Amino acid sequence: MSDPSASPSAGRPPGAPAHRHRDRHGRGIRGPLAPPQVPLAASRAETFDGLVLDSADRLRRRHPQLGRVDFEVHEVPETASGEDPEPVPLGRAVPEEGDRPARIVVYRRPVELRARGRDDRAALVHEVVVEQAAELLGLAPESIDPRYGQD
């Protein structure tokens, strides 16, 4: 006769499933596809923020006066009404107000919708940052970045 403690149901509460394990259907253990430090694990918003910061850093090296400017990413522009006849802006330059420093705002969703791919999105983000910096400083975009408009 066999030992009852060796049966598969031994040590399990009554009514518990007969066989449980994490590797259901032989697909492997579920978990993240990549560790958090790998770029694959970054969200689209985090990747977009990185593009804006890279462009800001490039421009700050050429124009130290941009060191006092804050660069922000917002999802979408705020509009006064839903029936706005003007096209959706991709960014905005906000001059300093009192103790609040000047800001350059890039709108993530409109930029992502206009970009065709990863490289196009990076180029478009840089163009928006250059245009808004030029507006803020009262200069031509070509004087902010000599490669502006060459893509």
N, C-alpha and C. Protein backbone atom coordinates (compact mmCIF):
# COMPACT_ATOMS: atom_id res chain seq x y z
N MET A 1 0.84 -1.15 0.00
CA MET A 1 0.00 0.00 0.00
C MET A 1 0.89 1.23 0.00
N SER A 2 0.44 2.32 -0.62
CA SER A 2 1.26 3.52 -0.73
C SER A 2 1.07 4.43 0.46
N ASP A 3 2.03 5.28 0.70
CA ASP A 3 2.00 6.22 1.82
C ASP A 3 1.04 7.37 1.48
N PRO A 4 0.01 7.69 2.33
CA PRO A 4 -0.94 8.76 2.02
C PRO A 4 -0.29 10.14 2.04
N SER A 5 0.81 10.31 2.74
CA SER A 5 1.46 11.63 2.77
C SER A 5 2.19 11.91 1.46
N ALA A 6 2.40 10.89 0.62
CA ALA A 6 3.08 11.08 -0.65
C ALA A 6 2.11 11.45 -1.77
N SER A 7 0.83 11.44 -1.50
CA SER A 7 -0.15 11.77 -2.55
C SER A 7 -0.09 13.26 -2.87
N PRO A 8 -0.48 13.63 -4.11
CA PRO A 8 -0.41 15.03 -4.53
C PRO A 8 -1.30 15.94 -3.69
N SER A 9 -2.35 15.41 -3.09
CA SER A 9 -3.26 16.27 -2.33
C SER A 9 -2.84 16.41 -0.87
N ALA A 10 -1.78 15.76 -0.46
CA ALA A 10 -1.34 15.81 0.93
C ALA A 10 -0.86 17.22 1.27
N GLY A 11 -1.26 17.74 2.40
CA GLY A 11 -0.81 19.04 2.87
C GLY A 11 -1.58 20.20 2.25
N ARG A 12 -2.59 19.91 1.44
CA ARG A 12 -3.40 20.95 0.79
C ARG A 12 -4.74 21.05 1.50
N PRO A 13 -5.27 22.28 1.64
CA PRO A 13 -6.59 22.37 2.27
C PRO A 13 -7.64 21.77 1.34
N PRO A 14 -8.72 21.28 1.89
CA PRO A 14 -9.77 20.69 1.05
C PRO A 14 -10.34 21.76 0.10
N GLY A 15 -10.57 21.37 -1.14
CA GLY A 15 -11.14 22.29 -2.13
C GLY A 15 -10.10 23.09 -2.89
N ALA A 16 -8.82 23.00 -2.54
CA ALA A 16 -7.76 23.73 -3.25
C ALA A 16 -7.49 23.05 -4.58
N PRO A 17 -7.06 23.82 -5.58
CA PRO A 17 -6.77 23.21 -6.88
C PRO A 17 -5.73 22.11 -6.75
N ALA A 18 -5.83 21.12 -7.62
CA ALA A 18 -4.96 19.96 -7.54
C ALA A 18 -3.50 20.30 -7.84
N HIS A 19 -3.24 21.15 -8.85
CA HIS A 19 -1.86 21.38 -9.23
C HIS A 19 -1.71 22.85 -9.60
N ARG A 20 -0.95 23.61 -8.85
CA ARG A 20 -0.74 25.03 -9.13
C ARG A 20 0.74 25.30 -9.29
N HIS A 21 1.10 26.01 -10.34
CA HIS A 21 2.46 26.48 -10.48
C HIS A 21 2.44 27.70 -11.39
N ARG A 22 3.49 28.46 -11.39
CA ARG A 22 3.55 29.73 -12.11
C ARG A 22 3.79 29.57 -13.61
N ASP A 23 4.25 28.41 -14.03
CA ASP A 23 4.58 28.21 -15.43
C ASP A 23 3.40 27.54 -16.15
N ARG A 24 2.27 28.24 -16.20
CA ARG A 24 1.08 27.67 -16.83
C ARG A 24 1.29 27.52 -18.33
N HIS A 25 0.87 26.45 -18.87
CA HIS A 25 0.89 26.17 -20.30
C HIS A 25 2.31 26.18 -20.88
N GLY A 26 3.33 26.04 -20.03
CA GLY A 26 4.70 25.94 -20.51
C GLY A 26 5.24 27.21 -21.14
N ARG A 27 4.71 28.36 -20.80
CA ARG A 27 5.14 29.63 -21.40
C ARG A 27 6.24 30.33 -20.62
N GLY A 28 6.67 29.78 -19.57
CA GLY A 28 7.71 30.42 -18.77
C GLY A 28 7.11 31.28 -17.67
N ILE A 29 7.94 31.66 -16.74
CA ILE A 29 7.49 32.46 -15.62
C ILE A 29 7.22 33.88 -16.09
N ARG A 30 6.11 34.44 -15.69
CA ARG A 30 5.75 35.79 -16.13
C ARG A 30 6.48 36.83 -15.31
N GLY A 31 6.80 37.91 -15.96
CA GLY A 31 7.49 39.00 -15.28
C GLY A 31 7.83 40.08 -16.28
N PRO A 32 8.58 41.08 -15.87
CA PRO A 32 8.94 42.16 -16.79
C PRO A 32 9.81 41.64 -17.94
N LEU A 33 9.65 42.26 -19.10
CA LEU A 33 10.44 41.87 -20.26
C LEU A 33 11.90 42.30 -20.14
N ALA A 34 12.10 43.42 -19.46
CA ALA A 34 13.46 43.95 -19.32
C ALA A 34 13.61 44.56 -17.94
N PRO A 35 14.82 44.56 -17.40
CA PRO A 35 15.02 45.20 -16.10
C PRO A 35 14.79 46.71 -16.20
N PRO A 36 14.45 47.37 -15.10
CA PRO A 36 14.09 48.79 -15.14
C PRO A 36 15.17 49.71 -15.70
N GLN A 37 16.45 49.35 -15.60
CA GLN A 37 17.51 50.25 -16.07
C GLN A 37 17.70 50.18 -17.59
N VAL A 38 17.06 49.25 -18.26
CA VAL A 38 17.17 49.11 -19.72
C VAL A 38 16.15 50.03 -20.39
N PRO A 39 16.52 50.73 -21.47
CA PRO A 39 15.60 51.67 -22.12
C PRO A 39 14.27 51.06 -22.53
N LEU A 40 14.22 49.76 -22.81
CA LEU A 40 12.98 49.11 -23.19
C LEU A 40 11.93 49.25 -22.10
N ALA A 41 12.37 49.35 -20.86
CA ALA A 41 11.45 49.42 -19.74
C ALA A 41 10.91 50.84 -19.52
N ALA A 42 11.43 51.84 -20.22
CA ALA A 42 10.96 53.21 -20.05
C ALA A 42 9.63 53.39 -20.76
N SER A 43 8.73 54.12 -20.11
CA SER A 43 7.43 54.38 -20.72
C SER A 43 7.58 55.39 -21.85
N ARG A 44 6.54 55.54 -22.66
CA ARG A 44 6.58 56.51 -23.74
C ARG A 44 6.74 57.92 -23.18
N ALA A 45 6.07 58.21 -22.08
CA ALA A 45 6.18 59.55 -21.48
C ALA A 45 7.60 59.81 -20.99
N GLU A 46 8.23 58.81 -20.36
CA GLU A 46 9.60 58.97 -19.89
C GLU A 46 10.58 59.16 -21.04
N THR A 47 10.36 58.42 -22.12
CA THR A 47 11.20 58.55 -23.30
C THR A 47 11.05 59.95 -23.90
N PHE A 48 9.82 60.45 -23.96
CA PHE A 48 9.56 61.79 -24.49
C PHE A 48 10.23 62.85 -23.61
N ASP A 49 10.10 62.71 -22.30
CA ASP A 49 10.76 63.64 -21.37
C ASP A 49 12.26 63.68 -21.63
N GLY A 50 12.84 62.51 -21.88
CA GLY A 50 14.27 62.44 -22.17
C GLY A 50 14.64 63.18 -23.44
N LEU A 51 13.78 63.10 -24.47
CA LEU A 51 14.03 63.83 -25.71
C LEU A 51 14.04 65.33 -25.48
N VAL A 52 13.08 65.81 -24.68
CA VAL A 52 13.00 67.25 -24.38
C VAL A 52 14.24 67.68 -23.59
N LEU A 53 14.64 66.90 -22.60
CA LEU A 53 15.82 67.25 -21.81
C LEU A 53 17.10 67.23 -22.63
N ASP A 54 17.21 66.27 -23.55
CA ASP A 54 18.39 66.22 -24.44
C ASP A 54 18.46 67.48 -25.30
N SER A 55 17.34 67.88 -25.87
CA SER A 55 17.32 69.10 -26.69
C SER A 55 17.63 70.33 -25.85
N ALA A 56 17.07 70.38 -24.66
CA ALA A 56 17.33 71.52 -23.77
C ALA A 56 18.82 71.60 -23.43
N ASP A 57 19.43 70.46 -23.13
CA ASP A 57 20.86 70.45 -22.80
C ASP A 57 21.71 70.91 -23.98
N ARG A 58 21.36 70.44 -25.19
CA ARG A 58 22.10 70.88 -26.38
C ARG A 58 22.02 72.39 -26.56
N LEU A 59 20.83 72.95 -26.36
CA LEU A 59 20.66 74.39 -26.54
C LEU A 59 21.31 75.19 -25.41
N ARG A 60 21.28 74.67 -24.21
CA ARG A 60 21.89 75.39 -23.07
C ARG A 60 23.40 75.51 -23.23
N ARG A 61 24.02 74.52 -23.86
CA ARG A 61 25.47 74.60 -24.10
C ARG A 61 25.79 75.74 -25.07
N ARG A 62 24.95 75.97 -26.05
CA ARG A 62 25.17 77.05 -27.03
C ARG A 62 24.69 78.41 -26.53
N HIS A 63 23.65 78.40 -25.69
CA HIS A 63 23.04 79.66 -25.21
C HIS A 63 22.88 79.59 -23.69
N PRO A 64 23.88 80.07 -22.96
CA PRO A 64 23.83 79.99 -21.49
C PRO A 64 22.62 80.71 -20.88
N GLN A 65 22.05 81.70 -21.59
CA GLN A 65 20.89 82.41 -21.04
C GLN A 65 19.68 81.48 -20.90
N LEU A 66 19.69 80.32 -21.55
CA LEU A 66 18.61 79.35 -21.40
C LEU A 66 18.76 78.53 -20.11
N GLY A 67 19.84 78.75 -19.38
CA GLY A 67 20.06 78.04 -18.12
C GLY A 67 19.02 78.38 -17.07
N ARG A 68 18.41 79.54 -17.17
CA ARG A 68 17.39 79.96 -16.20
C ARG A 68 15.97 79.59 -16.66
N VAL A 69 15.86 78.96 -17.82
CA VAL A 69 14.55 78.60 -18.37
C VAL A 69 14.19 77.19 -17.94
N ASP A 70 12.94 77.01 -17.50
CA ASP A 70 12.44 75.68 -17.16
C ASP A 70 11.86 75.04 -18.42
N PHE A 71 12.13 73.76 -18.62
CA PHE A 71 11.56 73.01 -19.73
C PHE A 71 10.56 72.02 -19.15
N GLU A 72 9.34 72.06 -19.68
CA GLU A 72 8.27 71.21 -19.16
C GLU A 72 7.62 70.44 -20.29
N VAL A 73 7.02 69.30 -19.92
CA VAL A 73 6.23 68.51 -20.86
C VAL A 73 4.83 68.42 -20.28
N HIS A 74 3.84 68.80 -21.08
CA HIS A 74 2.44 68.63 -20.72
C HIS A 74 1.82 67.67 -21.73
N GLU A 75 0.79 66.97 -21.31
CA GLU A 75 0.14 66.02 -22.21
C GLU A 75 -0.48 66.72 -23.41
N VAL A 76 -1.35 67.69 -23.15
CA VAL A 76 -2.05 68.42 -24.21
C VAL A 76 -2.16 69.88 -23.80
N PRO A 77 -2.33 70.78 -24.77
CA PRO A 77 -2.50 72.19 -24.41
C PRO A 77 -3.87 72.43 -23.80
N GLU A 78 -3.93 73.38 -22.90
CA GLU A 78 -5.22 73.77 -22.32
C GLU A 78 -5.85 74.79 -23.25
N THR A 79 -7.11 74.57 -23.60
CA THR A 79 -7.81 75.51 -24.46
C THR A 79 -9.00 76.07 -23.72
N ALA A 80 -9.39 77.29 -24.09
CA ALA A 80 -10.52 77.94 -23.44
C ALA A 80 -11.84 77.30 -23.85
N SER A 81 -11.94 76.85 -25.10
CA SER A 81 -13.18 76.23 -25.56
C SER A 81 -12.85 75.03 -26.43
N GLY A 82 -13.82 74.15 -26.60
CA GLY A 82 -13.62 72.97 -27.43
C GLY A 82 -13.66 73.30 -28.91
N GLU A 83 -14.15 74.46 -29.30
CA GLU A 83 -14.28 74.87 -30.69
C GLU A 83 -13.18 75.86 -31.06
N ASP A 84 -11.93 75.46 -30.96
CA ASP A 84 -10.81 76.34 -31.27
C ASP A 84 -10.47 76.20 -32.76
N PRO A 85 -10.61 77.27 -33.56
CA PRO A 85 -10.36 77.15 -34.99
C PRO A 85 -8.87 77.05 -35.36
N GLU A 86 -7.98 77.39 -34.47
CA GLU A 86 -6.55 77.34 -34.75
C GLU A 86 -6.02 75.92 -34.58
N PRO A 87 -4.94 75.58 -35.29
CA PRO A 87 -4.37 74.24 -35.12
C PRO A 87 -3.83 74.04 -33.70
N VAL A 88 -3.75 72.80 -33.31
CA VAL A 88 -3.25 72.47 -31.97
C VAL A 88 -1.76 72.78 -31.91
N PRO A 89 -1.32 73.58 -30.93
CA PRO A 89 0.11 73.91 -30.83
C PRO A 89 0.92 72.71 -30.35
N LEU A 90 2.18 72.70 -30.74
CA LEU A 90 3.09 71.65 -30.30
C LEU A 90 3.90 72.08 -29.09
N GLY A 91 3.97 73.38 -28.86
CA GLY A 91 4.72 73.90 -27.73
C GLY A 91 4.34 75.34 -27.45
N ARG A 92 4.91 75.87 -26.38
CA ARG A 92 4.60 77.24 -25.99
C ARG A 92 5.76 77.80 -25.19
N ALA A 93 6.05 79.08 -25.42
CA ALA A 93 7.06 79.79 -24.63
C ALA A 93 6.33 80.73 -23.69
N VAL A 94 6.67 80.65 -22.42
CA VAL A 94 6.04 81.49 -21.40
C VAL A 94 7.12 82.36 -20.77
N PRO A 95 7.04 83.69 -20.96
CA PRO A 95 8.06 84.57 -20.36
C PRO A 95 7.98 84.53 -18.84
N GLU A 96 9.06 84.96 -18.20
CA GLU A 96 9.07 84.94 -16.74
C GLU A 96 8.01 85.90 -16.20
N GLU A 97 7.42 85.51 -15.07
CA GLU A 97 6.38 86.30 -14.42
C GLU A 97 6.72 86.39 -12.93
N GLY A 98 7.09 87.55 -12.47
CA GLY A 98 7.45 87.71 -11.05
C GLY A 98 8.62 86.84 -10.68
N ASP A 99 8.42 85.95 -9.67
CA ASP A 99 9.52 85.06 -9.28
C ASP A 99 9.51 83.77 -10.10
N ARG A 100 8.50 83.58 -10.92
CA ARG A 100 8.45 82.35 -11.73
C ARG A 100 9.31 82.51 -12.98
N PRO A 101 10.28 81.59 -13.20
CA PRO A 101 11.19 81.71 -14.35
C PRO A 101 10.45 81.47 -15.67
N ALA A 102 11.08 81.86 -16.75
CA ALA A 102 10.53 81.60 -18.07
C ALA A 102 10.45 80.09 -18.27
N ARG A 103 9.48 79.67 -19.10
CA ARG A 103 9.27 78.23 -19.32
C ARG A 103 9.09 77.96 -20.81
N ILE A 104 9.54 76.82 -21.20
CA ILE A 104 9.24 76.29 -22.53
C ILE A 104 8.47 75.00 -22.29
N VAL A 105 7.26 74.96 -22.84
CA VAL A 105 6.38 73.80 -22.66
C VAL A 105 6.25 73.08 -24.00
N VAL A 106 6.44 71.77 -23.97
CA VAL A 106 6.24 70.93 -25.15
C VAL A 106 5.05 70.03 -24.85
N TYR A 107 4.11 69.95 -25.80
CA TYR A 107 2.91 69.14 -25.63
C TYR A 107 3.13 67.76 -26.25
N ARG A 108 3.16 66.75 -25.39
CA ARG A 108 3.54 65.40 -25.80
C ARG A 108 2.59 64.77 -26.81
N ARG A 109 1.31 64.75 -26.54
CA ARG A 109 0.37 64.05 -27.42
C ARG A 109 0.32 64.64 -28.83
N PRO A 110 0.20 65.97 -29.00
CA PRO A 110 0.20 66.49 -30.37
C PRO A 110 1.49 66.18 -31.13
N VAL A 111 2.63 66.22 -30.45
CA VAL A 111 3.90 65.91 -31.11
C VAL A 111 3.92 64.44 -31.52
N GLU A 112 3.51 63.55 -30.62
CA GLU A 112 3.50 62.12 -30.93
C GLU A 112 2.57 61.80 -32.10
N LEU A 113 1.43 62.49 -32.17
CA LEU A 113 0.49 62.23 -33.25
C LEU A 113 1.02 62.69 -34.60
N ARG A 114 1.86 63.70 -34.62
CA ARG A 114 2.41 64.20 -35.89
C ARG A 114 3.67 63.46 -36.34
N ALA A 115 4.35 62.82 -35.41
CA ALA A 115 5.60 62.13 -35.74
C ALA A 115 5.29 60.75 -36.32
N ARG A 116 6.07 60.33 -37.30
CA ARG A 116 5.85 59.04 -37.97
C ARG A 116 6.63 57.90 -37.33
N GLY A 117 7.64 58.20 -36.58
CA GLY A 117 8.45 57.15 -35.97
C GLY A 117 9.34 57.75 -34.89
N ARG A 118 10.20 56.90 -34.34
CA ARG A 118 11.06 57.33 -33.24
C ARG A 118 12.01 58.46 -33.66
N ASP A 119 12.67 58.32 -34.81
CA ASP A 119 13.60 59.35 -35.27
C ASP A 119 12.87 60.64 -35.62
N ASP A 120 11.71 60.51 -36.26
CA ASP A 120 10.90 61.67 -36.61
C ASP A 120 10.44 62.41 -35.35
N ARG A 121 10.07 61.64 -34.32
CA ARG A 121 9.62 62.24 -33.06
C ARG A 121 10.77 63.01 -32.40
N ALA A 122 11.97 62.45 -32.39
CA ALA A 122 13.12 63.14 -31.79
C ALA A 122 13.42 64.43 -32.54
N ALA A 123 13.36 64.39 -33.88
CA ALA A 123 13.61 65.60 -34.68
C ALA A 123 12.53 66.65 -34.44
N LEU A 124 11.28 66.21 -34.37
CA LEU A 124 10.18 67.15 -34.15
C LEU A 124 10.25 67.79 -32.76
N VAL A 125 10.59 67.00 -31.75
CA VAL A 125 10.75 67.55 -30.39
C VAL A 125 11.84 68.62 -30.41
N HIS A 126 12.95 68.34 -31.06
CA HIS A 126 14.05 69.31 -31.09
C HIS A 126 13.61 70.58 -31.82
N GLU A 127 12.89 70.43 -32.94
CA GLU A 127 12.39 71.61 -33.66
C GLU A 127 11.49 72.46 -32.79
N VAL A 128 10.58 71.82 -32.06
CA VAL A 128 9.66 72.55 -31.19
C VAL A 128 10.44 73.29 -30.11
N VAL A 129 11.41 72.63 -29.49
CA VAL A 129 12.21 73.27 -28.44
C VAL A 129 12.99 74.45 -29.02
N VAL A 130 13.57 74.29 -30.20
CA VAL A 130 14.32 75.37 -30.84
C VAL A 130 13.40 76.54 -31.15
N GLU A 131 12.23 76.27 -31.73
CA GLU A 131 11.29 77.34 -32.07
C GLU A 131 10.84 78.12 -30.84
N GLN A 132 10.54 77.40 -29.77
CA GLN A 132 10.07 78.07 -28.55
C GLN A 132 11.20 78.85 -27.88
N ALA A 133 12.41 78.31 -27.91
CA ALA A 133 13.57 79.04 -27.36
C ALA A 133 13.82 80.30 -28.16
N ALA A 134 13.70 80.21 -29.49
CA ALA A 134 13.89 81.38 -30.35
C ALA A 134 12.85 82.45 -30.04
N GLU A 135 11.61 82.02 -29.86
CA GLU A 135 10.55 82.99 -29.53
C GLU A 135 10.82 83.65 -28.18
N LEU A 136 11.25 82.86 -27.22
CA LEU A 136 11.51 83.38 -25.88
C LEU A 136 12.66 84.38 -25.89
N LEU A 137 13.71 84.10 -26.68
CA LEU A 137 14.89 84.97 -26.71
C LEU A 137 14.79 86.07 -27.77
N GLY A 138 13.74 86.01 -28.60
CA GLY A 138 13.59 87.02 -29.65
C GLY A 138 14.60 86.87 -30.77
N LEU A 139 14.98 85.65 -31.08
CA LEU A 139 15.95 85.36 -32.12
C LEU A 139 15.33 84.48 -33.20
N ALA A 140 16.00 84.36 -34.31
CA ALA A 140 15.57 83.43 -35.36
C ALA A 140 15.95 82.01 -34.95
N PRO A 141 15.11 81.02 -35.29
CA PRO A 141 15.45 79.64 -34.93
C PRO A 141 16.81 79.20 -35.46
N GLU A 142 17.22 79.70 -36.62
CA GLU A 142 18.51 79.32 -37.20
C GLU A 142 19.68 79.82 -36.35
N SER A 143 19.47 80.91 -35.61
CA SER A 143 20.55 81.41 -34.75
C SER A 143 20.60 80.63 -33.43
N ILE A 144 19.53 79.98 -33.08
CA ILE A 144 19.51 79.13 -31.88
C ILE A 144 20.21 77.80 -32.19
N ASP A 145 19.85 77.22 -33.34
CA ASP A 145 20.46 75.96 -33.78
C ASP A 145 20.69 76.04 -35.28
N PRO A 146 21.95 76.11 -35.72
CA PRO A 146 22.24 76.26 -37.15
C PRO A 146 21.69 75.12 -38.01
N ARG A 147 21.43 73.95 -37.41
CA ARG A 147 20.88 72.83 -38.18
C ARG A 147 19.36 72.86 -38.26
N TYR A 148 18.73 73.87 -37.71
CA TYR A 148 17.26 73.96 -37.71
C TYR A 148 16.74 73.97 -39.15
N GLY A 149 15.72 73.16 -39.42
CA GLY A 149 15.08 73.12 -40.72
C GLY A 149 15.83 72.35 -41.79
N GLN A 150 16.94 71.72 -41.45
CA GLN A 150 17.71 70.99 -42.46
C GLN A 150 17.30 69.53 -42.56
N ASP A 151 16.44 69.06 -41.68
CA ASP A 151 16.04 67.64 -41.71
C ASP A 151 15.01 67.38 -42.76
